[in-house]
Amino acid sequence: MTPEQIKSVRDYLCKRFKTEAIRISPRKVQDSVEVYLDDEILGLLYIDDEDKDDISYDLNMSILQQDLDA
């Protein structure tokens, strides 16, 4: 993902979730980034840009049962 795409997605997530505490960190692989809320990882965000006219992003978030039980 380009820095511009990362900024655009971060701005969207901050607006959507009504918080500025979202941080996005690039990974070594170019098709995804890590999404954090404060210091806790929320998940991985993937980009589907095979069709340059139809780019989409997929946020993959895992929720562990132990987190729900806490």
Protein backbone atom coordinates (compact mmCIF):
# COMPACT_ATOMS: atom_id res chain seq x y z
CA MET A 1 0.00 0.00 0.00
CA THR A 2 1.22 3.48 -0.76
CA PRO A 3 1.58 6.14 1.96
CA GLU A 4 -1.34 7.99 0.36
CA GLN A 5 -3.57 4.89 0.52
CA ILE A 6 -2.57 4.29 4.14
CA LYS A 7 -3.42 7.89 5.07
CA SER A 8 -6.75 7.72 3.25
CA VAL A 9 -7.77 4.47 4.95
CA ARG A 10 -6.62 5.73 8.37
CA ASP A 11 -8.64 8.93 7.94
CA TYR A 12 -11.70 6.87 7.02
CA LEU A 13 -11.31 4.51 10.00
CA CYS A 14 -10.79 7.41 12.44
CA LYS A 15 -13.92 9.11 11.15
CA ARG A 16 -15.97 5.91 11.06
CA PHE A 17 -14.99 4.82 14.59
CA LYS A 18 -14.92 8.38 15.97
CA THR A 19 -11.37 8.19 17.34
CA GLU A 20 -7.94 9.51 16.44
CA ALA A 21 -6.32 6.59 18.29
CA ILE A 22 -6.07 4.43 15.16
CA ARG A 23 -2.58 3.84 13.84
CA ILE A 24 -1.58 1.94 10.70
CA SER A 25 1.85 0.33 10.34
CA PRO A 26 3.25 -0.98 7.07
CA ARG A 27 4.42 -4.59 6.86
CA LYS A 28 7.18 -6.15 4.78
CA VAL A 29 4.53 -7.51 2.40
CA GLN A 30 3.08 -4.79 0.20
CA ASP A 31 -0.52 -6.03 0.11
CA SER A 32 -1.35 -5.39 3.77
CA VAL A 33 -0.77 -3.24 6.85
CA GLU A 34 -1.33 -3.67 10.59
CA VAL A 35 -4.14 -1.65 12.19
CA TYR A 36 -3.81 -0.63 15.85
CA LEU A 37 -6.10 1.05 18.35
CA ASP A 38 -3.76 2.73 20.81
CA ASP A 39 -1.14 -0.01 21.36
CA GLU A 40 -3.39 -3.00 20.68
CA ILE A 41 -3.45 -4.61 17.26
CA LEU A 42 -6.95 -4.75 15.79
CA GLY A 43 -6.11 -6.73 12.69
CA LEU A 44 -4.65 -6.74 9.22
CA LEU A 45 -5.90 -4.57 6.40
CA TYR A 46 -5.47 -5.97 2.88
CA ILE A 47 -5.75 -4.16 -0.42
CA ASP A 48 -7.27 -5.67 -3.56
CA ASP A 49 -5.95 -3.57 -6.41
CA GLU A 50 -5.85 -6.03 -9.30
CA ASP A 51 -8.43 -3.90 -11.08
CA LYS A 52 -7.15 -0.31 -10.81
CA ASP A 53 -10.70 1.00 -11.38
CA ASP A 54 -12.14 -1.07 -8.52
CA ILE A 55 -9.79 -0.94 -5.51
CA SER A 56 -11.10 -2.32 -2.22
CA TYR A 57 -9.77 -2.87 1.29
CA ASP A 58 -10.50 -5.77 3.63
CA LEU A 59 -10.01 -5.44 7.40
CA ASN A 60 -9.43 -8.88 8.94
CA MET A 61 -9.99 -8.76 12.70
CA SER A 62 -9.72 -11.80 14.98
CA ILE A 63 -11.52 -11.83 18.31
CA LEU A 64 -10.30 -14.42 20.81
CA GLN A 65 -12.74 -16.08 23.21
CA GLN A 66 -10.38 -15.24 26.09
CA ASP A 67 -10.80 -11.55 25.24
CA LEU A 68 -14.57 -11.90 25.45
CA ASP A 69 -14.31 -13.72 28.77
CA ALA A 70 -12.11 -11.03 30.34
